[in-house]
Amino acid sequence: MSVRSDVLLWAQRIVAKKDPPPHQLLEISADARIEVAQDAFHKIACLAHPDLHRNSLTDEELALVSTAYARVVAAYQYLRKQTMQTGPLPPLPADPPPPRPRAPSTGPLAPRAQSPQSSPLAAGSSPDVLRPATLGALGVMSSKALLYYRKAELCLRRGDLKQAVLQLKLAIACDPQSAFLRTALAQVEAEVGK
């Protein structure tokens, strides 16, 4: 049999199944692990991806193969989503441990002590309990920007101003329209300059 006839037979078999479970579309057992599903999907993609057969199939045949392939893709994505779901992230600790004391140094590069009230990010609130005004600003921030903002908060609590600046710049790169992030960055950069 030719590749063309193999693909058409496969597509007819897939389209003929009415509302099958995802593992049947991928032609694997119901208790197969995600790795087996991934291997099966890759075999199907190498054999039956519609782009591979654009020149060798008629329009009707290509539509049949595309329909079958789309059903298999949806089944694979469903299986991946089911196995890749994770639980909620663990909450951040409410009271971070106090920073370890550093040996005093002298000279122009001596580290300066950071007061908790001087930072826009560590203004007396724990990372998971924010003041209402701050919560409003964070609520419109993209999730990726919020992640970097939280990392910046942790850096400030550790007293690592340069890393906090980096995290805030990454947050701004994810959400360039945020005036809140730009204000926070300016305040932290001012602290670094002192």
N, C-alpha and C. Protein backbone atom coordinates (compact mmCIF):
# COMPACT_ATOMS: atom_id res chain seq x y z
N MET A 1 0.84 -1.19 0.00
CA MET A 1 0.00 0.00 0.00
C MET A 1 0.88 1.25 0.00
N SER A 2 0.38 2.28 -0.60
CA SER A 2 1.13 3.52 -0.67
C SER A 2 0.84 4.37 0.56
N VAL A 3 1.67 5.37 0.75
CA VAL A 3 1.48 6.29 1.86
C VAL A 3 0.14 7.00 1.73
N ARG A 4 -0.20 7.35 0.50
CA ARG A 4 -1.46 8.04 0.24
C ARG A 4 -2.65 7.20 0.71
N SER A 5 -2.66 5.94 0.35
CA SER A 5 -3.79 5.08 0.74
C SER A 5 -3.77 4.82 2.26
N ASP A 6 -2.58 4.71 2.87
CA ASP A 6 -2.49 4.54 4.32
C ASP A 6 -3.11 5.74 5.05
N VAL A 7 -2.79 6.92 4.58
CA VAL A 7 -3.30 8.14 5.20
C VAL A 7 -4.81 8.25 5.03
N LEU A 8 -5.30 7.92 3.85
CA LEU A 8 -6.74 8.00 3.63
C LEU A 8 -7.50 6.97 4.47
N LEU A 9 -6.98 5.76 4.58
CA LEU A 9 -7.62 4.75 5.42
C LEU A 9 -7.62 5.18 6.88
N TRP A 10 -6.50 5.73 7.34
CA TRP A 10 -6.42 6.22 8.72
C TRP A 10 -7.45 7.32 8.95
N ALA A 11 -7.54 8.27 8.02
CA ALA A 11 -8.47 9.39 8.17
C ALA A 11 -9.91 8.91 8.18
N GLN A 12 -10.25 7.95 7.33
CA GLN A 12 -11.61 7.41 7.31
C GLN A 12 -11.93 6.71 8.63
N ARG A 13 -10.96 5.97 9.17
CA ARG A 13 -11.15 5.26 10.43
C ARG A 13 -11.39 6.25 11.58
N ILE A 14 -10.63 7.36 11.61
CA ILE A 14 -10.76 8.35 12.68
C ILE A 14 -12.08 9.09 12.57
N VAL A 15 -12.45 9.52 11.36
CA VAL A 15 -13.67 10.29 11.17
C VAL A 15 -14.90 9.42 11.42
N ALA A 16 -14.81 8.12 11.16
CA ALA A 16 -15.95 7.21 11.36
C ALA A 16 -16.29 7.02 12.83
N LYS A 17 -15.34 7.24 13.73
CA LYS A 17 -15.59 7.08 15.16
C LYS A 17 -16.43 8.25 15.65
N LYS A 18 -17.52 7.94 16.30
CA LYS A 18 -18.42 8.98 16.81
C LYS A 18 -18.19 9.19 18.30
N ASP A 19 -17.72 10.35 18.68
CA ASP A 19 -17.44 10.75 20.07
C ASP A 19 -16.62 9.71 20.85
N PRO A 20 -15.48 9.31 20.31
CA PRO A 20 -14.65 8.35 21.05
C PRO A 20 -13.84 9.05 22.13
N PRO A 21 -13.39 8.32 23.15
CA PRO A 21 -12.49 8.93 24.12
C PRO A 21 -11.15 9.25 23.45
N PRO A 22 -10.41 10.19 24.01
CA PRO A 22 -9.16 10.63 23.37
C PRO A 22 -8.16 9.51 23.12
N HIS A 23 -8.05 8.56 24.03
CA HIS A 23 -7.06 7.50 23.83
C HIS A 23 -7.39 6.63 22.61
N GLN A 24 -8.68 6.52 22.25
CA GLN A 24 -9.02 5.74 21.06
C GLN A 24 -8.62 6.47 19.78
N LEU A 25 -8.72 7.78 19.80
CA LEU A 25 -8.29 8.53 18.61
C LEU A 25 -6.78 8.41 18.40
N LEU A 26 -6.05 8.34 19.50
CA LEU A 26 -4.59 8.18 19.40
C LEU A 26 -4.20 6.71 19.26
N GLU A 27 -5.20 5.83 19.36
CA GLU A 27 -5.01 4.39 19.21
C GLU A 27 -4.01 3.85 20.24
N ILE A 28 -4.25 4.23 21.50
CA ILE A 28 -3.45 3.74 22.62
C ILE A 28 -4.40 3.20 23.69
N SER A 29 -3.86 2.51 24.68
CA SER A 29 -4.71 1.97 25.74
C SER A 29 -5.18 3.10 26.67
N ALA A 30 -6.26 2.84 27.37
CA ALA A 30 -6.86 3.86 28.24
C ALA A 30 -5.97 4.24 29.40
N ASP A 31 -5.11 3.32 29.85
CA ASP A 31 -4.25 3.60 31.00
C ASP A 31 -2.82 3.96 30.59
N ALA A 32 -2.63 4.32 29.32
CA ALA A 32 -1.29 4.66 28.83
C ALA A 32 -0.82 5.98 29.44
N ARG A 33 0.47 6.05 29.68
CA ARG A 33 1.07 7.27 30.22
C ARG A 33 1.16 8.33 29.13
N ILE A 34 1.41 9.57 29.55
CA ILE A 34 1.47 10.69 28.61
C ILE A 34 2.61 10.51 27.60
N GLU A 35 3.68 9.84 28.00
CA GLU A 35 4.80 9.61 27.08
C GLU A 35 4.36 8.73 25.91
N VAL A 36 3.52 7.73 26.19
CA VAL A 36 3.00 6.85 25.14
C VAL A 36 2.09 7.65 24.21
N ALA A 37 1.25 8.51 24.79
CA ALA A 37 0.37 9.36 24.00
C ALA A 37 1.18 10.30 23.12
N GLN A 38 2.27 10.83 23.65
CA GLN A 38 3.12 11.74 22.88
C GLN A 38 3.77 11.00 21.72
N ASP A 39 4.27 9.81 21.97
CA ASP A 39 4.87 9.02 20.88
C ASP A 39 3.85 8.70 19.80
N ALA A 40 2.63 8.30 20.22
CA ALA A 40 1.58 7.99 19.25
C ALA A 40 1.22 9.23 18.44
N PHE A 41 1.12 10.38 19.10
CA PHE A 41 0.79 11.61 18.38
C PHE A 41 1.89 11.97 17.38
N HIS A 42 3.14 11.82 17.77
CA HIS A 42 4.24 12.15 16.86
C HIS A 42 4.26 11.22 15.65
N LYS A 43 3.94 9.94 15.85
CA LYS A 43 3.86 9.01 14.72
C LYS A 43 2.76 9.44 13.75
N ILE A 44 1.62 9.81 14.32
CA ILE A 44 0.51 10.25 13.47
C ILE A 44 0.89 11.53 12.74
N ALA A 45 1.54 12.46 13.42
CA ALA A 45 1.94 13.72 12.79
C ALA A 45 2.92 13.47 11.64
N CYS A 46 3.83 12.54 11.83
CA CYS A 46 4.80 12.24 10.76
C CYS A 46 4.13 11.57 9.57
N LEU A 47 3.06 10.86 9.81
CA LEU A 47 2.38 10.15 8.74
C LEU A 47 1.28 10.99 8.10
N ALA A 48 0.48 11.67 8.92
CA ALA A 48 -0.77 12.22 8.41
C ALA A 48 -0.93 13.72 8.53
N HIS A 49 0.11 14.45 8.82
CA HIS A 49 -0.06 15.91 8.89
C HIS A 49 -0.51 16.41 7.52
N PRO A 50 -1.57 17.22 7.48
CA PRO A 50 -2.11 17.66 6.18
C PRO A 50 -1.09 18.37 5.29
N ASP A 51 -0.15 19.09 5.86
CA ASP A 51 0.84 19.78 5.03
C ASP A 51 1.72 18.82 4.24
N LEU A 52 1.85 17.59 4.70
CA LEU A 52 2.67 16.60 3.98
C LEU A 52 1.98 16.10 2.72
N HIS A 53 0.67 16.28 2.64
CA HIS A 53 -0.09 15.68 1.53
C HIS A 53 -0.82 16.71 0.68
N ARG A 54 -0.44 17.95 0.74
CA ARG A 54 -1.13 19.00 -0.03
C ARG A 54 -1.08 18.76 -1.53
N ASN A 55 0.01 18.22 -2.02
CA ASN A 55 0.17 18.04 -3.46
C ASN A 55 -0.32 16.69 -3.95
N SER A 56 -0.46 15.72 -3.06
CA SER A 56 -0.80 14.37 -3.50
C SER A 56 -2.27 14.01 -3.32
N LEU A 57 -3.04 14.81 -2.63
CA LEU A 57 -4.44 14.51 -2.38
C LEU A 57 -5.35 15.52 -3.08
N THR A 58 -6.55 15.07 -3.39
CA THR A 58 -7.55 15.98 -3.95
C THR A 58 -8.06 16.86 -2.80
N ASP A 59 -8.84 17.87 -3.14
CA ASP A 59 -9.36 18.78 -2.13
C ASP A 59 -10.25 18.05 -1.12
N GLU A 60 -11.08 17.13 -1.59
CA GLU A 60 -11.97 16.38 -0.69
C GLU A 60 -11.15 15.47 0.22
N GLU A 61 -10.16 14.82 -0.33
CA GLU A 61 -9.32 13.93 0.47
C GLU A 61 -8.52 14.72 1.50
N LEU A 62 -8.02 15.87 1.09
CA LEU A 62 -7.27 16.72 2.02
C LEU A 62 -8.17 17.22 3.14
N ALA A 63 -9.41 17.54 2.84
CA ALA A 63 -10.36 17.97 3.88
C ALA A 63 -10.61 16.83 4.86
N LEU A 64 -10.72 15.60 4.37
CA LEU A 64 -10.92 14.43 5.23
C LEU A 64 -9.71 14.24 6.15
N VAL A 65 -8.51 14.31 5.60
CA VAL A 65 -7.29 14.15 6.39
C VAL A 65 -7.16 15.29 7.41
N SER A 66 -7.47 16.49 7.01
CA SER A 66 -7.39 17.64 7.93
C SER A 66 -8.37 17.49 9.09
N THR A 67 -9.58 17.02 8.80
CA THR A 67 -10.57 16.81 9.85
C THR A 67 -10.10 15.75 10.84
N ALA A 68 -9.61 14.64 10.32
CA ALA A 68 -9.13 13.56 11.19
C ALA A 68 -7.95 14.03 12.02
N TYR A 69 -7.04 14.75 11.39
CA TYR A 69 -5.85 15.22 12.10
C TYR A 69 -6.24 16.21 13.20
N ALA A 70 -7.20 17.08 12.91
CA ALA A 70 -7.65 18.05 13.92
C ALA A 70 -8.26 17.34 15.12
N ARG A 71 -9.01 16.27 14.89
CA ARG A 71 -9.59 15.51 16.00
C ARG A 71 -8.50 14.86 16.85
N VAL A 72 -7.45 14.36 16.20
CA VAL A 72 -6.35 13.73 16.93
C VAL A 72 -5.58 14.77 17.74
N VAL A 73 -5.36 15.93 17.17
CA VAL A 73 -4.67 17.02 17.89
C VAL A 73 -5.47 17.41 19.13
N ALA A 74 -6.77 17.55 18.97
CA ALA A 74 -7.62 17.92 20.12
C ALA A 74 -7.56 16.84 21.20
N ALA A 75 -7.56 15.57 20.79
CA ALA A 75 -7.49 14.47 21.76
C ALA A 75 -6.16 14.50 22.51
N TYR A 76 -5.07 14.72 21.78
CA TYR A 76 -3.76 14.78 22.42
C TYR A 76 -3.65 15.96 23.38
N GLN A 77 -4.15 17.10 22.96
CA GLN A 77 -4.12 18.27 23.84
C GLN A 77 -4.96 18.04 25.09
N TYR A 78 -6.07 17.38 24.95
CA TYR A 78 -6.90 17.06 26.12
C TYR A 78 -6.14 16.16 27.08
N LEU A 79 -5.49 15.11 26.58
CA LEU A 79 -4.73 14.21 27.45
C LEU A 79 -3.58 14.95 28.12
N ARG A 80 -2.90 15.79 27.38
CA ARG A 80 -1.79 16.57 27.98
C ARG A 80 -2.29 17.48 29.07
N LYS A 81 -3.41 18.13 28.82
CA LYS A 81 -3.95 19.05 29.81
C LYS A 81 -4.33 18.29 31.08
N GLN A 82 -4.89 17.11 30.93
CA GLN A 82 -5.29 16.32 32.09
C GLN A 82 -4.08 15.89 32.92
N THR A 83 -2.98 15.56 32.28
CA THR A 83 -1.82 15.07 33.02
C THR A 83 -0.90 16.19 33.48
N MET A 84 -0.96 17.34 32.82
CA MET A 84 -0.05 18.43 33.16
C MET A 84 -0.63 19.40 34.17
N GLN A 85 -1.90 19.24 34.55
CA GLN A 85 -2.48 20.17 35.50
C GLN A 85 -1.78 20.02 36.84
N THR A 86 -1.53 21.14 37.46
CA THR A 86 -0.89 21.14 38.77
C THR A 86 -1.83 21.76 39.78
N GLY A 87 -1.53 21.52 41.01
CA GLY A 87 -2.32 22.12 42.08
C GLY A 87 -1.94 23.58 42.25
N PRO A 88 -2.57 24.24 43.20
CA PRO A 88 -2.24 25.65 43.43
C PRO A 88 -0.81 25.78 43.97
N LEU A 89 -0.22 26.90 43.68
CA LEU A 89 1.13 27.16 44.17
C LEU A 89 1.11 27.30 45.68
N PRO A 90 2.15 26.84 46.34
CA PRO A 90 2.17 27.00 47.80
C PRO A 90 2.26 28.48 48.15
N PRO A 91 1.60 28.88 49.25
CA PRO A 91 1.64 30.30 49.61
C PRO A 91 3.03 30.70 50.07
N LEU A 92 3.34 31.96 49.84
CA LEU A 92 4.61 32.50 50.31
C LEU A 92 4.56 32.62 51.82
N PRO A 93 5.68 32.47 52.49
CA PRO A 93 5.66 32.60 53.95
C PRO A 93 5.27 34.02 54.35
N ALA A 94 4.45 34.12 55.40
CA ALA A 94 3.96 35.43 55.84
C ALA A 94 5.08 36.26 56.47
N ASP A 95 5.92 35.63 57.25
CA ASP A 95 7.02 36.34 57.89
C ASP A 95 8.33 35.76 57.39
N PRO A 96 9.01 36.47 56.50
CA PRO A 96 10.28 35.94 56.00
C PRO A 96 11.32 35.95 57.11
N PRO A 97 12.28 35.05 57.04
CA PRO A 97 13.32 35.05 58.06
C PRO A 97 14.13 36.35 57.97
N PRO A 98 14.64 36.81 59.09
CA PRO A 98 15.42 38.06 59.06
C PRO A 98 16.70 37.85 58.26
N PRO A 99 17.16 38.89 57.58
CA PRO A 99 18.39 38.74 56.79
C PRO A 99 19.59 38.47 57.71
N ARG A 100 20.50 37.70 57.18
CA ARG A 100 21.71 37.41 57.95
C ARG A 100 22.56 38.65 58.04
N PRO A 101 23.14 38.91 59.20
CA PRO A 101 23.98 40.11 59.32
C PRO A 101 25.24 39.95 58.47
N ARG A 102 25.60 41.04 57.85
CA ARG A 102 26.81 41.06 57.03
C ARG A 102 27.94 41.70 57.84
N ALA A 103 29.10 41.31 57.47
CA ALA A 103 30.26 41.94 58.09
C ALA A 103 30.35 43.37 57.58
N PRO A 104 30.58 44.34 58.46
CA PRO A 104 30.67 45.72 57.99
C PRO A 104 31.87 45.90 57.07
N SER A 105 31.65 46.66 56.04
CA SER A 105 32.76 46.97 55.13
C SER A 105 32.84 48.47 54.98
N THR A 106 33.96 48.90 54.49
CA THR A 106 34.17 50.33 54.32
C THR A 106 34.50 50.59 52.87
N GLY A 107 34.43 51.80 52.48
CA GLY A 107 34.77 52.17 51.12
C GLY A 107 33.54 52.60 50.34
N PRO A 108 33.73 52.96 49.09
CA PRO A 108 32.62 53.51 48.31
C PRO A 108 31.56 52.46 47.96
N LEU A 109 31.90 51.18 47.98
CA LEU A 109 30.94 50.15 47.62
C LEU A 109 30.32 49.47 48.83
N ALA A 110 30.39 50.08 49.99
CA ALA A 110 29.82 49.49 51.19
C ALA A 110 28.31 49.41 51.06
N PRO A 111 27.70 48.26 51.41
CA PRO A 111 26.25 48.16 51.29
C PRO A 111 25.55 49.03 52.31
N ARG A 112 24.43 49.60 51.90
CA ARG A 112 23.64 50.44 52.79
C ARG A 112 22.48 49.63 53.34
N ALA A 113 22.10 49.92 54.56
CA ALA A 113 20.96 49.24 55.15
C ALA A 113 19.69 49.75 54.49
N GLN A 114 18.75 48.85 54.31
CA GLN A 114 17.48 49.21 53.68
C GLN A 114 16.39 49.18 54.73
N SER A 115 15.69 50.27 54.89
CA SER A 115 14.58 50.26 55.82
C SER A 115 13.36 49.72 55.09
N PRO A 116 12.50 48.95 55.76
CA PRO A 116 11.35 48.38 55.09
C PRO A 116 10.39 49.43 54.55
N GLN A 117 10.31 50.61 55.15
CA GLN A 117 9.37 51.61 54.70
C GLN A 117 9.88 52.38 53.48
N SER A 118 11.17 52.25 53.14
CA SER A 118 11.70 53.02 52.03
C SER A 118 11.43 52.37 50.69
N SER A 119 10.93 51.17 50.69
CA SER A 119 10.70 50.46 49.44
C SER A 119 9.22 50.48 49.07
N PRO A 120 8.91 50.69 47.80
CA PRO A 120 7.51 50.66 47.40
C PRO A 120 6.94 49.26 47.46
N LEU A 121 7.79 48.27 47.40
CA LEU A 121 7.31 46.90 47.34
C LEU A 121 7.17 46.28 48.71
N ALA A 122 7.97 46.67 49.64
CA ALA A 122 7.96 46.04 50.96
C ALA A 122 7.39 47.01 51.99
N ALA A 123 6.30 47.62 51.68
CA ALA A 123 5.74 48.66 52.53
C ALA A 123 4.93 48.08 53.68
N GLY A 124 5.53 47.22 54.45
CA GLY A 124 4.91 46.72 55.66
C GLY A 124 3.86 45.65 55.44
N SER A 125 3.73 45.10 54.25
CA SER A 125 2.72 44.06 54.05
C SER A 125 3.40 42.77 53.63
N SER A 126 2.81 41.67 54.02
CA SER A 126 3.34 40.39 53.59
C SER A 126 3.04 40.22 52.11
N PRO A 127 3.77 39.35 51.40
CA PRO A 127 3.59 39.27 49.97
C PRO A 127 2.21 38.78 49.54
N ASP A 128 1.50 38.02 50.38
CA ASP A 128 0.21 37.53 49.95
C ASP A 128 -0.95 38.32 50.54
N VAL A 129 -0.68 39.34 51.36
CA VAL A 129 -1.73 40.21 51.90
C VAL A 129 -1.33 41.63 51.54
N LEU A 130 -1.96 42.17 50.49
CA LEU A 130 -1.58 43.50 49.99
C LEU A 130 -2.59 44.54 50.45
N ARG A 131 -2.14 45.76 50.53
CA ARG A 131 -3.05 46.86 50.83
C ARG A 131 -4.03 47.01 49.66
N PRO A 132 -5.25 47.48 49.90
CA PRO A 132 -6.24 47.59 48.83
C PRO A 132 -5.76 48.45 47.67
N ALA A 133 -5.07 49.55 47.93
CA ALA A 133 -4.61 50.40 46.83
C ALA A 133 -3.62 49.64 45.96
N THR A 134 -2.71 48.89 46.58
CA THR A 134 -1.74 48.12 45.81
C THR A 134 -2.42 46.99 45.07
N LEU A 135 -3.42 46.37 45.69
CA LEU A 135 -4.11 45.26 45.06
C LEU A 135 -4.76 45.71 43.76
N GLY A 136 -5.30 46.91 43.73
CA GLY A 136 -5.89 47.41 42.49
C GLY A 136 -4.87 47.53 41.38
N ALA A 137 -3.67 48.01 41.72
CA ALA A 137 -2.62 48.14 40.71
C ALA A 137 -2.16 46.77 40.23
N LEU A 138 -2.09 45.81 41.14
CA LEU A 138 -1.65 44.48 40.76
C LEU A 138 -2.72 43.72 40.00
N GLY A 139 -3.96 44.06 40.23
CA GLY A 139 -5.04 43.35 39.57
C GLY A 139 -5.06 43.55 38.07
N VAL A 140 -4.54 44.66 37.57
CA VAL A 140 -4.55 44.91 36.13
C VAL A 140 -3.22 44.53 35.48
N MET A 141 -2.29 44.06 36.26
CA MET A 141 -0.99 43.66 35.77
C MET A 141 -1.09 42.27 35.14
N SER A 142 -0.31 42.00 34.11
CA SER A 142 -0.32 40.66 33.52
C SER A 142 0.25 39.66 34.53
N SER A 143 -0.10 38.41 34.36
CA SER A 143 0.32 37.40 35.34
C SER A 143 1.84 37.24 35.35
N LYS A 144 2.46 37.36 34.20
CA LYS A 144 3.92 37.24 34.15
C LYS A 144 4.59 38.43 34.84
N ALA A 145 4.04 39.62 34.62
CA ALA A 145 4.58 40.80 35.28
C ALA A 145 4.40 40.70 36.78
N LEU A 146 3.26 40.17 37.21
CA LEU A 146 3.03 39.99 38.64
C LEU A 146 4.03 39.03 39.26
N LEU A 147 4.39 37.99 38.52
CA LEU A 147 5.38 37.03 38.99
C LEU A 147 6.73 37.73 39.23
N TYR A 148 7.15 38.54 38.27
CA TYR A 148 8.42 39.26 38.44
C TYR A 148 8.32 40.29 39.57
N TYR A 149 7.16 40.92 39.71
CA TYR A 149 6.96 41.87 40.80
C TYR A 149 7.11 41.18 42.15
N ARG A 150 6.53 39.99 42.27
CA ARG A 150 6.66 39.23 43.53
C ARG A 150 8.11 38.86 43.80
N LYS A 151 8.84 38.51 42.75
CA LYS A 151 10.27 38.21 42.93
C LYS A 151 11.03 39.44 43.38
N ALA A 152 10.65 40.60 42.85
CA ALA A 152 11.29 41.84 43.27
C ALA A 152 11.00 42.12 44.74
N GLU A 153 9.77 41.84 45.17
CA GLU A 153 9.43 41.99 46.59
C GLU A 153 10.35 41.15 47.47
N LEU A 154 10.53 39.91 47.08
CA LEU A 154 11.40 39.02 47.86
C LEU A 154 12.84 39.51 47.88
N CYS A 155 13.31 40.01 46.75
CA CYS A 155 14.68 40.53 46.70
C CYS A 155 14.83 41.72 47.64
N LEU A 156 13.83 42.59 47.68
CA LEU A 156 13.91 43.75 48.57
C LEU A 156 13.91 43.32 50.03
N ARG A 157 13.15 42.30 50.33
CA ARG A 157 13.14 41.82 51.71
C ARG A 157 14.47 41.22 52.12
N ARG A 158 15.18 40.67 51.15
CA ARG A 158 16.51 40.14 51.43
C ARG A 158 17.56 41.25 51.42
N GLY A 159 17.18 42.42 50.94
CA GLY A 159 18.12 43.53 50.87
C GLY A 159 18.93 43.55 49.58
N ASP A 160 18.53 42.78 48.59
CA ASP A 160 19.25 42.71 47.32
C ASP A 160 18.61 43.68 46.33
N LEU A 161 19.05 44.95 46.38
CA LEU A 161 18.43 45.98 45.56
C LEU A 161 18.68 45.79 44.07
N LYS A 162 19.88 45.38 43.71
CA LYS A 162 20.19 45.23 42.28
C LYS A 162 19.35 44.13 41.64
N GLN A 163 19.15 43.04 42.37
CA GLN A 163 18.30 41.96 41.83
C GLN A 163 16.85 42.43 41.77
N ALA A 164 16.43 43.26 42.72
CA ALA A 164 15.06 43.80 42.70
C ALA A 164 14.87 44.67 41.47
N VAL A 165 15.87 45.48 41.12
CA VAL A 165 15.79 46.33 39.93
C VAL A 165 15.65 45.45 38.69
N LEU A 166 16.44 44.38 38.62
CA LEU A 166 16.36 43.47 37.47
C LEU A 166 14.97 42.86 37.36
N GLN A 167 14.42 42.39 38.47
CA GLN A 167 13.09 41.77 38.44
C GLN A 167 12.02 42.78 38.03
N LEU A 168 12.15 44.02 38.49
CA LEU A 168 11.19 45.05 38.09
C LEU A 168 11.30 45.39 36.61
N LYS A 169 12.52 45.39 36.09
CA LYS A 169 12.68 45.64 34.66
C LYS A 169 12.07 44.51 33.84
N LEU A 170 12.20 43.28 34.32
CA LEU A 170 11.56 42.15 33.64
C LEU A 170 10.04 42.27 33.71
N ALA A 171 9.53 42.73 34.84
CA ALA A 171 8.08 42.94 34.98
C ALA A 171 7.60 44.00 33.99
N ILE A 172 8.36 45.07 33.86
CA ILE A 172 7.99 46.14 32.92
C ILE A 172 8.05 45.63 31.49
N ALA A 173 9.00 44.75 31.19
CA ALA A 173 9.08 44.19 29.84
C ALA A 173 7.82 43.36 29.53
N CYS A 174 7.26 42.73 30.55
CA CYS A 174 6.03 41.94 30.36
C CYS A 174 4.79 42.80 30.31
N ASP A 175 4.83 43.93 30.98
CA ASP A 175 3.67 44.82 31.05
C ASP A 175 4.14 46.26 30.90
N PRO A 176 4.52 46.67 29.68
CA PRO A 176 5.14 47.99 29.49
C PRO A 176 4.20 49.17 29.77
N GLN A 177 2.90 48.96 29.85
CA GLN A 177 1.97 50.06 30.08
C GLN A 177 1.77 50.39 31.56
N SER A 178 2.34 49.59 32.46
CA SER A 178 2.07 49.74 33.89
C SER A 178 2.84 50.92 34.49
N ALA A 179 2.10 51.95 34.87
CA ALA A 179 2.70 53.10 35.54
C ALA A 179 3.14 52.71 36.95
N PHE A 180 2.41 51.80 37.57
CA PHE A 180 2.75 51.33 38.91
C PHE A 180 4.15 50.72 38.92
N LEU A 181 4.45 49.86 37.94
CA LEU A 181 5.76 49.22 37.88
C LEU A 181 6.87 50.24 37.63
N ARG A 182 6.60 51.20 36.77
CA ARG A 182 7.60 52.23 36.48
C ARG A 182 7.90 53.08 37.72
N THR A 183 6.87 53.38 38.49
CA THR A 183 7.06 54.14 39.74
C THR A 183 7.89 53.32 40.73
N ALA A 184 7.53 52.04 40.85
CA ALA A 184 8.27 51.17 41.77
C ALA A 184 9.74 51.08 41.36
N LEU A 185 9.99 50.94 40.05
CA LEU A 185 11.37 50.87 39.55
C LEU A 185 12.13 52.15 39.86
N ALA A 186 11.50 53.29 39.64
CA ALA A 186 12.17 54.57 39.91
C ALA A 186 12.54 54.69 41.39
N GLN A 187 11.64 54.25 42.27
CA GLN A 187 11.92 54.35 43.70
C GLN A 187 13.06 53.40 44.11
N VAL A 188 13.06 52.21 43.57
CA VAL A 188 14.11 51.26 43.93
C VAL A 188 15.46 51.72 43.34
N GLU A 189 15.44 52.24 42.12
CA GLU A 189 16.67 52.76 41.53
C GLU A 189 17.22 53.93 42.32
N ALA A 190 16.33 54.74 42.87
CA ALA A 190 16.76 55.86 43.73
C ALA A 190 17.46 55.32 44.98
N GLU A 191 16.95 54.23 45.52
CA GLU A 191 17.59 53.62 46.69
C GLU A 191 18.96 53.06 46.33
N VAL A 192 19.08 52.47 45.14
CA VAL A 192 20.37 51.91 44.70
C VAL A 192 21.38 53.04 44.56
N GLY A 193 20.93 54.21 44.09
CA GLY A 193 21.83 55.34 43.89
C GLY A 193 22.32 55.99 45.16
N LYS A 194 21.70 55.72 46.29
CA LYS A 194 22.10 56.35 47.55
C LYS A 194 23.40 55.81 48.05
